[in-house]
Amino acid sequence: MAAPLLLTDLYIYPVKSLGGIRLTEAVVEPRGLRHDRRWLIVDERNRFMTQRQTAAMAHLKVAPAHNGFLLSHQERPDMLPLYVPFAGTPEKTLFVTIWDDMVFAWRAQPECDEWLSEVLGQSCKLVYMSDMVRRDVEPDYNPEGQLVSFADGYPFLLIGQESLAELNGRLTEQVGMDRFRPNLVFSGGAAFAEDDWAEFTIGRVAFRAVRACGRCILTTIDQTTAQKNPTGEPLRTLAAYRNQDGKAMFGQNVTTTAAAGPVRVGDTVTVSSYKA
């Protein structure tokens, strides 16, 4: 008898492209796990910043704190950690650009901008997405009109432990799951079993696997050292055997129809339908 599929890890990334917080339980909301990617760092032109262009963002670590989180720079012990609340306030507002979307955002306190500009060595601002903002999932894959936070395109990313193990079996140097920034990690089943899922539940919360996630250069950045792998791994290996339309695929982009609901590490994952 096959081993059951179980949720083994939950992650939120309060600030897009910074470190994650590992949880034992989380609340599923329409635009993602509660507090996931609701904050964003933007440059002087109010355009989003990520590790793709600014690899040094990997040096910024995120730790949970009361009703918020602490940001610290692992190479700058002279900089005191910065406290950021999970929810922003509407004192100052501006429009910011993320990919092809322009959305309304709330400014963080000035000390947040100052701290980030100092540690990243460039002028930047921290902004928050309120519940009043509507940012839609890609229209071609969004018949239900689902929303997304400051994540790239979808509210959740799902990856199987066996998928990472299979990839590591092809690599000279192992990589951790943090290279791929998932929200939902499960065990059981074959490697890349999630590619075939259509509808599934975690505990009592229903999800839909929309499409495979095309990976980028961020996967080549060591999240401890902020250094890019000069050989292009693991992206190079992924591209050699997980290529689809010129992109290296790893993980599934996922939406939910749940208004809200809890998921917990140890919950059973039940697949109810598969892609045609």
C-alpha atoms as a PDB file:
ATOM      1  CA  MET A   1       0.000   0.000   0.000  1.00  0.00           C
ATOM      2  CA  ALA A   2       1.365   3.403  -0.997  1.00  0.00           C
ATOM      3  CA  ALA A   3       2.356   5.808   1.767  1.00  0.00           C
ATOM      4  CA  PRO A   4      -0.120   8.667   2.264  1.00  0.00           C
ATOM      5  CA  LEU A   5       0.612  12.128   0.945  1.00  0.00           C
ATOM      6  CA  LEU A   6       1.328  14.453   3.874  1.00  0.00           C
ATOM      7  CA  LEU A   7       2.014  18.164   4.218  1.00  0.00           C
ATOM      8  CA  THR A   8       5.530  18.344   5.648  1.00  0.00           C
ATOM      9  CA  ASP A   9       6.421  22.063   5.470  1.00  0.00           C
ATOM     10  CA  LEU A  10       4.738  25.454   5.322  1.00  0.00           C
ATOM     11  CA  TYR A  11       6.529  28.682   4.456  1.00  0.00           C
ATOM     12  CA  ILE A  12       5.581  32.324   4.218  1.00  0.00           C
ATOM     13  CA  TYR A  13       7.781  35.058   2.780  1.00  0.00           C
ATOM     14  CA  PRO A  14       6.528  38.301   4.361  1.00  0.00           C
ATOM     15  CA  VAL A  15       8.674  40.418   2.010  1.00  0.00           C
ATOM     16  CA  LYS A  16       8.902  39.342  -1.614  1.00  0.00           C
ATOM     17  CA  SER A  17      12.338  37.876  -2.471  1.00  0.00           C
ATOM     18  CA  LEU A  18      13.604  37.907   1.113  1.00  0.00           C
ATOM     19  CA  GLY A  19      13.946  34.931   3.458  1.00  0.00           C
ATOM     20  CA  GLY A  20      11.011  32.833   4.593  1.00  0.00           C
ATOM     21  CA  ILE A  21       9.480  31.858   7.907  1.00  0.00           C
ATOM     22  CA  ARG A  22       8.815  28.163   8.475  1.00  0.00           C
ATOM     23  CA  LEU A  23       5.458  27.507  10.148  1.00  0.00           C
ATOM     24  CA  THR A  24       3.652  24.531  11.640  1.00  0.00           C
ATOM     25  CA  GLU A  25       0.253  25.930  10.658  1.00  0.00           C
ATOM     26  CA  ALA A  26      -1.027  28.751   8.497  1.00  0.00           C
ATOM     27  CA  VAL A  27      -4.281  30.314   7.371  1.00  0.00           C
ATOM     28  CA  VAL A  28      -5.168  29.952   3.700  1.00  0.00           C
ATOM     29  CA  GLU A  29      -6.646  33.120   2.211  1.00  0.00           C
ATOM     30  CA  PRO A  30      -7.698  33.889  -1.388  1.00  0.00           C
ATOM     31  CA  ARG A  31      -4.452  35.697  -2.280  1.00  0.00           C
ATOM     32  CA  GLY A  32      -2.123  33.268  -0.453  1.00  0.00           C
ATOM     33  CA  LEU A  33      -1.122  32.131   3.002  1.00  0.00           C
ATOM     34  CA  ARG A  34      -1.818  34.851   5.551  1.00  0.00           C
ATOM     35  CA  HIS A  35       1.075  37.396   5.639  1.00  0.00           C
ATOM     36  CA  ASP A  36       2.760  35.890   2.558  1.00  0.00           C
ATOM     37  CA  ARG A  37       4.409  38.455   0.260  1.00  0.00           C
ATOM     38  CA  ARG A  38       2.294  41.365   1.398  1.00  0.00           C
ATOM     39  CA  TRP A  39       5.414  43.551   1.649  1.00  0.00           C
ATOM     40  CA  LEU A  40       7.576  44.517  -1.317  1.00  0.00           C
ATOM     41  CA  ILE A  41      10.830  46.422  -1.807  1.00  0.00           C
ATOM     42  CA  VAL A  42      10.784  48.909  -4.698  1.00  0.00           C
ATOM     43  CA  ASP A  43      13.505  51.057  -6.238  1.00  0.00           C
ATOM     44  CA  GLU A  44      13.592  54.797  -6.944  1.00  0.00           C
ATOM     45  CA  ARG A  45      11.194  54.319  -9.875  1.00  0.00           C
ATOM     46  CA  ASN A  46       8.794  52.375  -7.618  1.00  0.00           C
ATOM     47  CA  ARG A  47       9.539  49.187  -9.543  1.00  0.00           C
ATOM     48  CA  PHE A  48       9.791  45.887  -7.669  1.00  0.00           C
ATOM     49  CA  MET A  49      13.170  44.523  -6.637  1.00  0.00           C
ATOM     50  CA  THR A  50      14.115  40.843  -6.390  1.00  0.00           C
ATOM     51  CA  GLN A  51      17.217  38.699  -6.054  1.00  0.00           C
ATOM     52  CA  ARG A  52      17.202  38.309  -9.837  1.00  0.00           C
ATOM     53  CA  GLN A  53      18.827  41.728 -10.142  1.00  0.00           C
ATOM     54  CA  THR A  54      19.948  42.269  -6.527  1.00  0.00           C
ATOM     55  CA  ALA A  55      21.418  38.990  -5.258  1.00  0.00           C
ATOM     56  CA  ALA A  56      22.493  40.721  -2.027  1.00  0.00           C
ATOM     57  CA  MET A  57      18.845  40.559  -0.909  1.00  0.00           C
ATOM     58  CA  ALA A  58      19.609  36.938   0.037  1.00  0.00           C
ATOM     59  CA  HIS A  59      21.683  38.311   2.942  1.00  0.00           C
ATOM     60  CA  LEU A  60      18.494  39.676   4.536  1.00  0.00           C
ATOM     61  CA  LYS A  61      17.022  37.201   6.993  1.00  0.00           C
ATOM     62  CA  VAL A  62      13.480  37.174   8.338  1.00  0.00           C
ATOM     63  CA  ALA A  63      12.551  36.032  11.843  1.00  0.00           C
ATOM     64  CA  PRO A  64       9.110  35.964  13.473  1.00  0.00           C
ATOM     65  CA  ALA A  65       8.254  38.597  16.106  1.00  0.00           C
ATOM     66  CA  HIS A  66       5.095  39.661  17.913  1.00  0.00           C
ATOM     67  CA  ASN A  67       2.513  40.643  15.260  1.00  0.00           C
ATOM     68  CA  GLY A  68       5.291  41.027  12.732  1.00  0.00           C
ATOM     69  CA  PHE A  69       8.836  40.050  11.853  1.00  0.00           C
ATOM     70  CA  LEU A  70      12.447  41.146  12.205  1.00  0.00           C
ATOM     71  CA  LEU A  71      14.773  41.843   9.296  1.00  0.00           C
ATOM     72  CA  SER A  72      18.508  41.414   9.821  1.00  0.00           C
ATOM     73  CA  HIS A  73      21.570  41.423   7.579  1.00  0.00           C
ATOM     74  CA  GLN A  74      23.866  38.469   8.192  1.00  0.00           C
ATOM     75  CA  GLU A  75      26.936  40.397   7.002  1.00  0.00           C
ATOM     76  CA  ARG A  76      26.143  43.597   8.912  1.00  0.00           C
ATOM     77  CA  PRO A  77      26.169  42.901  12.663  1.00  0.00           C
ATOM     78  CA  ASP A  78      26.502  46.659  13.177  1.00  0.00           C
ATOM     79  CA  MET A  79      22.925  47.127  11.932  1.00  0.00           C
ATOM     80  CA  LEU A  80      20.259  46.467  14.560  1.00  0.00           C
ATOM     81  CA  PRO A  81      17.403  44.250  13.327  1.00  0.00           C
ATOM     82  CA  LEU A  82      14.439  46.108  11.853  1.00  0.00           C
ATOM     83  CA  TYR A  83      10.960  45.333  13.165  1.00  0.00           C
ATOM     84  CA  VAL A  84       8.170  45.336  10.567  1.00  0.00           C
ATOM     85  CA  PRO A  85       4.507  44.653  11.438  1.00  0.00           C
ATOM     86  CA  PHE A  86       2.656  42.028   9.416  1.00  0.00           C
ATOM     87  CA  ALA A  87       0.118  44.673   8.348  1.00  0.00           C
ATOM     88  CA  GLY A  88       0.905  48.134   7.057  1.00  0.00           C
ATOM     89  CA  THR A  89      -0.982  51.388   7.663  1.00  0.00           C
ATOM     90  CA  PRO A  90      -2.422  53.794   5.056  1.00  0.00           C
ATOM     91  CA  GLU A  91      -0.546  56.937   6.124  1.00  0.00           C
ATOM     92  CA  LYS A  92       1.256  57.401   2.800  1.00  0.00           C
ATOM     93  CA  THR A  93       0.464  55.750  -0.524  1.00  0.00           C
ATOM     94  CA  LEU A  94       1.939  55.315  -3.983  1.00  0.00           C
ATOM     95  CA  PHE A  95       1.606  53.192  -7.099  1.00  0.00           C
ATOM     96  CA  VAL A  96       4.203  50.460  -7.628  1.00  0.00           C
ATOM     97  CA  THR A  97       5.000  48.232 -10.589  1.00  0.00           C
ATOM     98  CA  ILE A  98       5.393  44.468 -10.318  1.00  0.00           C
ATOM     99  CA  TRP A  99       5.926  42.731 -13.639  1.00  0.00           C
ATOM    100  CA  ASP A 100       3.195  44.127 -15.917  1.00  0.00           C
ATOM    101  CA  ASP A 101       0.937  45.188 -13.066  1.00  0.00           C
ATOM    102  CA  MET A 102       0.696  48.611 -11.453  1.00  0.00           C
ATOM    103  CA  VAL A 103      -0.953  48.475  -8.046  1.00  0.00           C
ATOM    104  CA  PHE A 104      -1.739  50.775  -5.153  1.00  0.00           C
ATOM    105  CA  ALA A 105       0.476  50.299  -2.062  1.00  0.00           C
ATOM    106  CA  TRP A 106       0.993  51.771   1.393  1.00  0.00           C
ATOM    107  CA  ARG A 107       4.397  53.156   2.425  1.00  0.00           C
ATOM    108  CA  ALA A 108       6.221  51.733   5.413  1.00  0.00           C
ATOM    109  CA  GLN A 109       7.652  54.000   8.104  1.00  0.00           C
ATOM    110  CA  PRO A 110      10.643  56.121   6.941  1.00  0.00           C
ATOM    111  CA  GLU A 111      13.030  54.172   9.175  1.00  0.00           C
ATOM    112  CA  CYS A 112      12.252  51.027   7.136  1.00  0.00           C
ATOM    113  CA  ASP A 113      13.266  52.738   3.889  1.00  0.00           C
ATOM    114  CA  GLU A 114      16.408  54.105   5.528  1.00  0.00           C
ATOM    115  CA  TRP A 115      17.415  50.717   6.937  1.00  0.00           C
ATOM    116  CA  LEU A 116      16.887  48.887   3.641  1.00  0.00           C
ATOM    117  CA  SER A 117      18.641  51.574   1.603  1.00  0.00           C
ATOM    118  CA  GLU A 118      21.649  51.333   3.931  1.00  0.00           C
ATOM    119  CA  VAL A 119      22.014  47.554   3.879  1.00  0.00           C
ATOM    120  CA  LEU A 120      21.315  47.165   0.140  1.00  0.00           C
ATOM    121  CA  GLY A 121      23.461  50.112  -0.869  1.00  0.00           C
ATOM    122  CA  GLN A 122      20.819  51.799  -3.001  1.00  0.00           C
ATOM    123  CA  SER A 123      17.777  53.972  -2.511  1.00  0.00           C
ATOM    124  CA  CYS A 124      14.686  51.834  -2.008  1.00  0.00           C
ATOM    125  CA  LYS A 125      11.315  51.799  -0.269  1.00  0.00           C
ATOM    126  CA  LEU A 126       9.225  49.199   1.553  1.00  0.00           C
ATOM    127  CA  VAL A 127       5.533  49.031   0.629  1.00  0.00           C
ATOM    128  CA  TYR A 128       2.507  46.989   1.715  1.00  0.00           C
ATOM    129  CA  MET A 129      -0.439  45.510  -0.212  1.00  0.00           C
ATOM    130  CA  SER A 130      -3.725  46.086   1.595  1.00  0.00           C
ATOM    131  CA  ASP A 131      -6.868  43.973   1.275  1.00  0.00           C
ATOM    132  CA  MET A 132      -8.383  46.774  -0.829  1.00  0.00           C
ATOM    133  CA  VAL A 133      -5.966  46.082  -3.686  1.00  0.00           C
ATOM    134  CA  ARG A 134      -7.035  43.799  -6.511  1.00  0.00           C
ATOM    135  CA  ARG A 135      -4.221  42.047  -8.362  1.00  0.00           C
ATOM    136  CA  ASP A 136      -5.461  39.151 -10.483  1.00  0.00           C
ATOM    137  CA  VAL A 137      -3.822  35.849 -11.281  1.00  0.00           C
ATOM    138  CA  GLU A 138      -2.820  35.490 -14.945  1.00  0.00           C
ATOM    139  CA  PRO A 139      -6.105  35.829 -16.893  1.00  0.00           C
ATOM    140  CA  ASP A 140      -5.447  32.875 -19.201  1.00  0.00           C
ATOM    141  CA  TYR A 141      -5.327  30.563 -16.173  1.00  0.00           C
ATOM    142  CA  ASN A 142      -7.841  32.255 -13.925  1.00  0.00           C
ATOM    143  CA  PRO A 143     -11.464  31.396 -14.722  1.00  0.00           C
ATOM    144  CA  GLU A 144     -12.434  31.884 -11.073  1.00  0.00           C
ATOM    145  CA  GLY A 145     -11.003  35.411 -10.856  1.00  0.00           C
ATOM    146  CA  GLN A 146      -8.437  34.522  -8.185  1.00  0.00           C
ATOM    147  CA  LEU A 147      -6.233  37.150  -6.541  1.00  0.00           C
ATOM    148  CA  VAL A 148      -2.515  37.192  -5.800  1.00  0.00           C
ATOM    149  CA  SER A 149      -0.295  39.192  -3.439  1.00  0.00           C
ATOM    150  CA  PHE A 150       3.143  40.455  -4.496  1.00  0.00           C
ATOM    151  CA  ALA A 151       4.068  36.873  -5.482  1.00  0.00           C
ATOM    152  CA  ASP A 152       5.150  36.530  -9.125  1.00  0.00           C
ATOM    153  CA  GLY A 153       1.827  35.312 -10.464  1.00  0.00           C
ATOM    154  CA  TYR A 154       0.003  32.844  -8.218  1.00  0.00           C
ATOM    155  CA  PRO A 155      -0.993  32.732  -4.547  1.00  0.00           C
ATOM    156  CA  PHE A 156       0.667  29.386  -3.716  1.00  0.00           C
ATOM    157  CA  LEU A 157       3.603  27.266  -4.874  1.00  0.00           C
ATOM    158  CA  LEU A 158       3.526  23.508  -4.202  1.00  0.00           C
ATOM    159  CA  ILE A 159       6.552  21.179  -4.390  1.00  0.00           C
ATOM    160  CA  GLY A 160       7.006  17.517  -3.447  1.00  0.00           C
ATOM    161  CA  GLN A 161       9.967  16.414  -1.323  1.00  0.00           C
ATOM    162  CA  GLU A 162      10.515  13.571  -3.775  1.00  0.00           C
ATOM    163  CA  SER A 163      10.837  16.049  -6.638  1.00  0.00           C
ATOM    164  CA  LEU A 164      13.701  17.820  -4.870  1.00  0.00           C
ATOM    165  CA  ALA A 165      15.321  14.478  -3.990  1.00  0.00           C
ATOM    166  CA  GLU A 166      15.171  13.394  -7.636  1.00  0.00           C
ATOM    167  CA  LEU A 167      16.765  16.656  -8.767  1.00  0.00           C
ATOM    168  CA  ASN A 168      19.499  16.396  -6.130  1.00  0.00           C
ATOM    169  CA  GLY A 169      20.252  12.900  -7.405  1.00  0.00           C
ATOM    170  CA  ARG A 170      21.313  14.512 -10.671  1.00  0.00           C
ATOM    171  CA  LEU A 171      23.429  17.288  -9.123  1.00  0.00           C
ATOM    172  CA  THR A 172      27.050  17.241  -8.002  1.00  0.00           C
ATOM    173  CA  GLU A 173      26.230  19.659  -5.166  1.00  0.00           C
ATOM    174  CA  GLN A 174      22.935  19.300  -3.321  1.00  0.00           C
ATOM    175  CA  VAL A 175      20.532  22.234  -3.057  1.00  0.00           C
ATOM    176  CA  GLY A 176      17.917  22.930  -0.424  1.00  0.00           C
ATOM    177  CA  MET A 177      14.227  23.624  -0.842  1.00  0.00           C
ATOM    178  CA  ASP A 178      14.919  27.308  -0.079  1.00  0.00           C
ATOM    179  CA  ARG A 179      16.228  27.716  -3.634  1.00  0.00           C
ATOM    180  CA  PHE A 180      12.664  27.268  -4.892  1.00  0.00           C
ATOM    181  CA  ARG A 181      10.665  29.269  -2.317  1.00  0.00           C
ATOM    182  CA  PRO A 182       7.571  27.058  -1.985  1.00  0.00           C
ATOM    183  CA  ASN A 183       4.640  27.681   0.342  1.00  0.00           C
ATOM    184  CA  LEU A 184       3.424  24.085   0.497  1.00  0.00           C
ATOM    185  CA  VAL A 185       5.753  21.063   0.644  1.00  0.00           C
ATOM    186  CA  PHE A 186       4.496  17.483   0.794  1.00  0.00           C
ATOM    187  CA  SER A 187       5.941  13.987   1.056  1.00  0.00           C
ATOM    188  CA  GLY A 188       4.809  10.772  -0.585  1.00  0.00           C
ATOM    189  CA  GLY A 189       4.187   9.733  -4.162  1.00  0.00           C
ATOM    190  CA  ALA A 190       6.617   9.720  -7.051  1.00  0.00           C
ATOM    191  CA  ALA A 191       8.932  12.541  -8.034  1.00  0.00           C
ATOM    192  CA  PHE A 192       6.977  15.261  -9.850  1.00  0.00           C
ATOM    193  CA  ALA A 193       3.662  13.583  -9.071  1.00  0.00           C
ATOM    194  CA  GLU A 194       2.289  17.096  -8.512  1.00  0.00           C
ATOM    195  CA  ASP A 195       2.625  17.784 -12.254  1.00  0.00           C
ATOM    196  CA  ASP A 196      -0.453  15.663 -12.886  1.00  0.00           C
ATOM    197  CA  TRP A 197      -2.700  16.980 -10.137  1.00  0.00           C
ATOM    198  CA  ALA A 198      -5.701  19.147 -10.926  1.00  0.00           C
ATOM    199  CA  GLU A 199      -7.772  19.406  -7.736  1.00  0.00           C
ATOM    200  CA  PHE A 200      -6.637  18.401  -4.269  1.00  0.00           C
ATOM    201  CA  THR A 201      -7.243  19.149  -0.609  1.00  0.00           C
ATOM    202  CA  ILE A 202      -4.886  19.703   2.298  1.00  0.00           C
ATOM    203  CA  GLY A 203      -6.818  18.848   5.414  1.00  0.00           C
ATOM    204  CA  ARG A 204     -10.197  20.349   4.587  1.00  0.00           C
ATOM    205  CA  VAL A 205      -8.990  23.169   2.330  1.00  0.00           C
ATOM    206  CA  ALA A 206      -9.477  22.776  -1.421  1.00  0.00           C
ATOM    207  CA  PHE A 207      -6.813  23.797  -3.951  1.00  0.00           C
ATOM    208  CA  ARG A 208      -6.357  23.716  -7.730  1.00  0.00           C
ATOM    209  CA  ALA A 209      -2.992  23.049  -9.378  1.00  0.00           C
ATOM    210  CA  VAL A 210      -2.993  25.488 -12.278  1.00  0.00           C
ATOM    211  CA  ARG A 211       0.259  24.981 -14.122  1.00  0.00           C
ATOM    212  CA  ALA A 212       3.946  24.203 -13.722  1.00  0.00           C
ATOM    213  CA  CYS A 213       6.236  26.942 -12.425  1.00  0.00           C
ATOM    214  CA  GLY A 214       8.949  28.133 -14.804  1.00  0.00           C
ATOM    215  CA  ARG A 215      12.138  28.736 -12.825  1.00  0.00           C
ATOM    216  CA  CYS A 216      14.605  31.597 -13.156  1.00  0.00           C
ATOM    217  CA  ILE A 217      18.150  32.586 -12.225  1.00  0.00           C
ATOM    218  CA  LEU A 218      17.121  33.070  -8.585  1.00  0.00           C
ATOM    219  CA  THR A 219      17.411  29.285  -8.145  1.00  0.00           C
ATOM    220  CA  THR A 220      21.163  29.569  -8.785  1.00  0.00           C
ATOM    221  CA  ILE A 221      21.694  31.903  -5.792  1.00  0.00           C
ATOM    222  CA  ASP A 222      22.921  30.312  -2.576  1.00  0.00           C
ATOM    223  CA  GLN A 223      20.563  31.644   0.084  1.00  0.00           C
ATOM    224  CA  THR A 224      23.322  31.586   2.713  1.00  0.00           C
ATOM    225  CA  THR A 225      26.121  33.302   0.793  1.00  0.00           C
ATOM    226  CA  ALA A 226      24.079  35.302  -1.764  1.00  0.00           C
ATOM    227  CA  GLN A 227      26.478  33.998  -4.439  1.00  0.00           C
ATOM    228  CA  LYS A 228      25.308  32.844  -7.860  1.00  0.00           C
ATOM    229  CA  ASN A 229      26.522  29.418  -8.921  1.00  0.00           C
ATOM    230  CA  PRO A 230      28.984  30.044 -11.786  1.00  0.00           C
ATOM    231  CA  THR A 231      27.929  26.782 -13.462  1.00  0.00           C
ATOM    232  CA  GLY A 232      24.264  27.796 -13.516  1.00  0.00           C
ATOM    233  CA  GLU A 233      23.143  24.926 -11.319  1.00  0.00           C
ATOM    234  CA  PRO A 234      20.560  23.728 -10.489  1.00  0.00           C
ATOM    235  CA  LEU A 235      18.853  25.605 -13.331  1.00  0.00           C
ATOM    236  CA  ARG A 236      21.112  24.082 -15.963  1.00  0.00           C
ATOM    237  CA  THR A 237      20.238  20.521 -14.949  1.00  0.00           C
ATOM    238  CA  LEU A 238      16.538  21.325 -14.659  1.00  0.00           C
ATOM    239  CA  ALA A 239      16.553  22.828 -18.147  1.00  0.00           C
ATOM    240  CA  ALA A 240      18.109  19.647 -19.524  1.00  0.00           C
ATOM    241  CA  TYR A 241      15.221  17.401 -18.508  1.00  0.00           C
ATOM    242  CA  ARG A 242      12.369  19.586 -17.282  1.00  0.00           C
ATOM    243  CA  ASN A 243      12.147  21.920 -20.265  1.00  0.00           C
ATOM    244  CA  GLN A 244       8.757  23.154 -21.408  1.00  0.00           C
ATOM    245  CA  ASP A 245       8.422  25.952 -23.957  1.00  0.00           C
ATOM    246  CA  GLY A 246      11.981  27.033 -23.216  1.00  0.00           C
ATOM    247  CA  LYS A 247      11.534  27.174 -19.431  1.00  0.00           C
ATOM    248  CA  ALA A 248      12.826  24.860 -16.698  1.00  0.00           C
ATOM    249  CA  MET A 249       9.801  23.663 -14.720  1.00  0.00           C
ATOM    250  CA  PHE A 250       9.809  22.823 -11.035  1.00  0.00           C
ATOM    251  CA  GLY A 251       6.768  22.942  -8.735  1.00  0.00           C
ATOM    252  CA  GLN A 252       3.113  23.749  -9.339  1.00  0.00           C
ATOM    253  CA  ASN A 253       1.408  27.130  -9.233  1.00  0.00           C
ATOM    254  CA  VAL A 254      -1.738  26.743  -7.157  1.00  0.00           C
ATOM    255  CA  THR A 255      -4.940  28.663  -6.386  1.00  0.00           C
ATOM    256  CA  THR A 256      -7.754  28.098  -3.892  1.00  0.00           C
ATOM    257  CA  THR A 257     -11.476  28.765  -3.766  1.00  0.00           C
ATOM    258  CA  ALA A 258     -11.423  28.877   0.039  1.00  0.00           C
ATOM    259  CA  ALA A 259     -12.392  32.181   1.666  1.00  0.00           C
ATOM    260  CA  ALA A 260     -10.126  31.182   4.566  1.00  0.00           C
ATOM    261  CA  GLY A 261      -9.118  28.024   6.355  1.00  0.00           C
ATOM    262  CA  PRO A 262      -6.257  26.453   8.294  1.00  0.00           C
ATOM    263  CA  VAL A 263      -3.633  24.029   7.042  1.00  0.00           C
ATOM    264  CA  ARG A 264      -1.172  22.288   9.350  1.00  0.00           C
ATOM    265  CA  VAL A 265       2.019  20.296   8.970  1.00  0.00           C
ATOM    266  CA  GLY A 266       0.961  16.652   9.110  1.00  0.00           C
ATOM    267  CA  ASP A 267      -2.320  17.231   7.258  1.00  0.00           C
ATOM    268  CA  THR A 268      -3.253  14.601   4.684  1.00  0.00           C
ATOM    269  CA  VAL A 269      -3.060  15.683   1.049  1.00  0.00           C
ATOM    270  CA  THR A 270      -5.851  14.120  -1.019  1.00  0.00           C
ATOM    271  CA  VAL A 271      -5.897  14.354  -4.815  1.00  0.00           C
ATOM    272  CA  SER A 272      -9.455  14.379  -6.190  1.00  0.00           C
ATOM    273  CA  SER A 273      -8.789  14.917  -9.913  1.00  0.00           C
ATOM    274  CA  TYR A 274      -5.974  14.911 -12.415  1.00  0.00           C
ATOM    275  CA  LYS A 275      -5.099  17.013 -15.431  1.00  0.00           C
ATOM    276  CA  ALA A 276      -6.287  15.653 -18.747  1.00  0.00           C
END
